[in-house]
Protein backbone atom coordinates (compact mmCIF):
# COMPACT_ATOMS: atom_id res chain seq x y z
CA MET A 1 107.89 97.01 72.11
CA GLY A 2 104.62 95.76 70.68
CA ALA A 3 102.30 97.23 68.08
CA ARG A 4 102.32 100.99 67.48
CA VAL A 5 99.01 102.83 67.12
CA GLU A 6 98.43 106.46 66.21
CA GLN A 7 95.50 108.62 67.33
CA PHE A 8 94.82 106.34 70.27
CA PRO A 9 92.20 107.90 72.59
CA LEU A 10 93.60 109.00 75.95
CA PHE A 11 91.62 109.48 79.15
CA PRO A 12 93.78 111.35 81.70
CA LEU A 13 92.50 110.67 85.22
CA GLY A 14 93.66 110.68 88.81
CA ILE A 15 93.70 106.89 88.87
CA VAL A 16 95.81 104.02 87.55
CA ALA A 17 94.10 101.10 85.83
CA LEU A 18 95.59 97.62 85.55
CA PRO A 19 94.92 94.82 83.07
CA HIS A 20 91.89 92.79 84.24
CA GLU A 21 90.71 95.64 86.50
CA LEU A 22 87.07 96.72 86.29
CA VAL A 23 86.84 100.53 86.31
CA PRO A 24 83.46 102.30 86.60
CA LEU A 25 83.56 105.70 84.89
CA HIS A 26 81.14 108.62 84.78
CA ILE A 27 81.49 110.35 81.41
CA PHE A 28 80.25 113.93 81.47
CA GLU A 29 82.64 116.22 79.58
CA PRO A 30 81.58 116.65 75.92
CA ARG A 31 85.00 115.67 74.57
CA TYR A 32 85.04 112.41 76.50
CA ARG A 33 81.42 111.72 75.59
CA GLU A 34 82.51 112.02 71.95
CA MET A 35 85.49 109.76 72.60
CA THR A 36 83.30 107.17 74.34
CA ALA A 37 80.72 107.27 71.55
CA ARG A 38 83.43 106.57 68.96
CA CYS A 39 84.88 103.75 71.03
CA LEU A 40 81.43 102.19 71.34
CA ASP A 41 80.60 102.62 67.65
CA GLU A 42 83.91 101.30 66.36
CA GLY A 43 84.84 98.85 69.13
CA LEU A 44 87.96 100.85 70.01
CA GLU A 45 90.01 100.82 73.17
CA PHE A 46 91.14 103.92 75.03
CA ALA A 47 93.96 104.47 77.51
CA ILE A 48 93.55 105.46 81.13
CA VAL A 49 96.64 107.50 81.98
CA LEU A 50 97.51 108.97 85.36
CA ALA A 51 97.40 112.77 85.33
CA THR A 52 99.63 114.46 87.92
CA ASP A 53 100.64 118.04 88.67
CA ASP A 54 103.70 117.38 86.49
CA GLY A 55 101.64 116.19 83.50
CA LEU A 56 100.73 112.78 82.14
CA GLU A 57 102.54 109.59 82.98
CA THR A 58 103.94 108.00 79.85
CA THR A 59 102.87 104.49 80.89
CA GLY A 60 99.17 103.71 81.01
CA CYS A 61 96.68 100.92 80.49
CA ALA A 62 94.48 100.28 77.49
CA CYS A 63 90.86 99.68 78.38
CA SER A 64 87.82 98.40 76.56
CA ILE A 65 84.24 99.29 77.38
CA ASP A 66 82.67 96.25 78.99
CA ARG A 67 79.18 97.73 79.05
CA VAL A 68 77.15 100.91 79.41
CA LEU A 69 75.63 101.01 82.88
CA GLN A 70 73.37 104.01 82.35
CA GLU A 71 72.62 106.64 79.72
CA HIS A 72 71.43 109.91 81.21
CA ASP A 73 68.96 112.20 79.45
CA ASP A 74 71.54 114.99 79.18
CA GLY A 75 74.06 112.76 77.37
CA ARG A 76 76.16 111.74 80.35
CA LEU A 77 77.14 108.07 80.50
CA ASP A 78 78.04 105.63 83.24
CA ILE A 79 80.21 102.88 81.80
CA LEU A 80 82.19 99.93 83.07
CA ALA A 81 85.63 99.66 81.50
CA VAL A 82 88.09 96.80 81.87
CA GLY A 83 91.85 97.09 81.63
CA THR A 84 93.40 95.06 78.84
CA ARG A 85 97.15 95.70 78.36
CA PRO A 86 99.89 98.17 79.30
CA LEU A 87 101.14 100.78 76.87
CA THR A 88 103.51 103.70 76.59
CA ILE A 89 102.75 107.08 75.06
CA SER A 90 105.38 108.37 72.66
CA GLY A 91 103.58 111.55 71.60
CA GLU A 92 100.33 113.45 72.01
CA ILE A 93 98.06 114.49 69.15
CA GLU A 94 96.25 117.83 69.19
CA ASP A 95 93.99 117.67 66.12
CA LEU A 96 91.18 115.51 67.54
CA PRO A 97 88.25 116.76 69.65
CA TYR A 98 89.48 114.64 72.57
CA PRO A 99 92.96 113.80 73.92
CA ALA A 100 94.83 111.25 71.83
CA GLY A 101 98.36 110.12 71.23
CA THR A 102 100.73 107.73 69.53
CA ILE A 103 101.14 104.67 71.72
CA GLU A 104 103.01 101.40 71.71
CA PHE A 105 101.77 98.33 73.52
CA LEU A 106 104.32 96.91 75.95
CA ASP A 107 105.43 93.31 75.60
CA ASP A 108 106.99 91.32 78.42
CA ALA A 109 110.52 89.98 78.32
CA SER A 110 110.80 86.43 77.05
CA GLU A 111 111.20 84.32 80.19
CA ALA A 112 109.71 81.30 81.88
CA LEU A 113 107.46 81.93 84.84
CA ASP A 114 109.14 80.96 88.11
CA ALA A 115 106.68 78.48 89.64
CA LEU A 116 107.87 79.15 93.19
CA LEU A 117 107.47 82.91 92.77
CA ALA A 118 103.97 82.43 91.42
CA GLU A 119 103.02 80.07 94.23
CA THR A 120 104.36 82.48 96.85
CA ALA A 121 102.47 85.42 95.36
CA ARG A 122 99.22 83.49 95.12
CA SER A 123 99.60 82.26 98.69
CA ALA A 124 100.09 85.84 99.92
CA TYR A 125 97.06 86.93 97.90
CA ALA A 126 94.95 84.08 99.31
CA ASP A 127 95.95 85.08 102.86
CA LEU A 128 94.92 88.67 102.17
CA VAL A 129 91.58 87.70 100.63
CA LEU A 130 90.86 85.44 103.59
CA GLY A 131 91.78 88.19 106.03
CA VAL A 132 89.50 90.72 104.35
CA THR A 133 86.51 88.57 103.41
CA ASP A 134 86.77 85.55 105.75
CA GLU A 135 86.48 83.43 102.59
CA PRO A 136 89.44 81.94 100.69
CA PRO A 137 89.59 82.47 96.92
CA GLU A 138 88.56 79.58 94.69
CA VAL A 139 91.59 77.37 94.12
CA GLU A 140 90.89 76.83 90.42
CA ARG A 141 90.51 80.55 89.76
CA LEU A 142 93.54 81.46 91.86
CA GLU A 143 95.77 79.07 89.90
CA GLN A 144 94.88 80.94 86.69
CA MET A 145 95.51 84.45 88.04
CA ASP A 146 98.58 86.37 86.99
CA ALA A 147 100.06 89.27 88.96
CA TYR A 148 97.86 91.84 87.24
CA ALA A 149 94.69 89.85 87.89
CA MET A 150 95.43 89.57 91.60
CA ALA A 151 96.49 93.20 91.98
CA ALA A 152 93.40 94.38 90.10
CA THR A 153 91.19 93.24 92.99
CA VAL A 154 93.21 94.93 95.76
CA GLU A 155 93.25 98.60 96.79
CA LEU A 156 96.83 99.57 96.04
CA SER A 157 98.50 102.96 95.96
CA LEU A 158 98.86 104.82 92.69
CA ASP A 159 102.64 104.46 92.87
CA ALA A 160 102.42 100.70 93.37
CA LYS A 161 100.03 100.27 90.44
CA GLN A 162 102.14 102.50 88.23
CA GLN A 163 105.21 100.44 89.11
CA LEU A 164 103.39 97.25 88.16
CA LEU A 165 102.52 98.73 84.77
CA ARG A 166 106.15 99.62 84.11
CA LEU A 167 107.58 96.18 84.88
CA ARG A 168 108.19 94.07 81.78
CA SER A 169 108.67 90.80 83.65
CA GLU A 170 105.92 88.65 85.13
CA ASN A 171 108.44 87.25 87.60
CA ALA A 172 109.25 90.80 88.76
CA ARG A 173 105.54 91.58 89.05
CA MET A 174 105.01 88.43 91.13
CA ARG A 175 107.80 89.54 93.48
CA LEU A 176 106.28 93.01 93.79
CA VAL A 177 102.71 91.86 94.44
CA THR A 178 103.98 89.42 97.08
CA ARG A 179 105.52 92.34 98.98
CA LEU A 180 102.41 94.46 98.48
CA PHE A 181 100.01 91.74 99.65
CA ARG A 182 102.13 90.91 102.69
CA GLY A 183 102.33 94.59 103.56
CA ALA A 184 98.57 94.98 103.22
CA LEU A 185 98.01 91.94 105.45
CA LYS A 186 100.28 93.40 108.13
CA ARG A 187 98.33 96.66 108.03
CA LEU A 188 95.08 94.72 108.25
CA ASP A 189 96.35 92.84 111.30
CA TYR A 190 97.42 96.13 112.89
CA VAL A 191 94.00 97.71 112.31
CA GLU A 192 92.23 94.67 113.75
CA ARG A 193 94.47 94.74 116.84
CA ALA A 194 93.91 98.48 117.25
CA GLU A 195 90.16 98.02 117.01
CA ALA A 196 90.32 95.20 119.56
CA ARG A 197 92.28 97.44 121.94
CA ALA A 198 89.75 100.23 121.47
CA ARG A 199 86.85 97.91 122.25
CA SER A 200 88.60 96.69 125.41
CA ASN A 201 89.36 100.24 126.56
CA GLY A 202 93.03 99.40 126.69
CA LYS A 203 92.58 96.37 128.92
CA VAL A 204 93.21 92.75 128.02
CA ARG A 205 90.06 90.71 128.43
CA PHE A 206 90.16 87.16 129.74
CA GLY A 207 87.14 84.88 129.27
């Protein structure tokens, strides 16, 4: 485990944030407006934690406020947050005007990055980006991206993102994102083929 912090602001939401991910947020509830104001004034992070019907997930992602996009006259805020690092919640605190808890930042296992795993994951990511945008990612930028950075730019399921947060091995995360990217590319190919069939009215067109 990494550093332990008490009274860490918590933002329960129906989303999962990842390190490096940009998350636009509309802050309207008074308690979260107070939390946001404190984070802005004191340069604090807060945690985005997935809220489910069964309660809060214990693993979340710390976020910092990148910038305020808009301040509304009634006190509501539009902000852009960015994920920074995974954490686990060991207890909730009830004596603050907004949700908070005792958290510990999660460190990775001490291991060398498997170069082949990383290359395979980045290749799968590049194929997906090309398939979606018709433009390959910049080689220099791609070579610097870890598993979180790649996953942060892809629409993944909540379960997949939560699993990435729980893994304490970059090699394991590289394996997982490779499967996720390849799966997404297969679905993309299927959608494109289905759309082509729909346009052709079920007939194969020649010439």
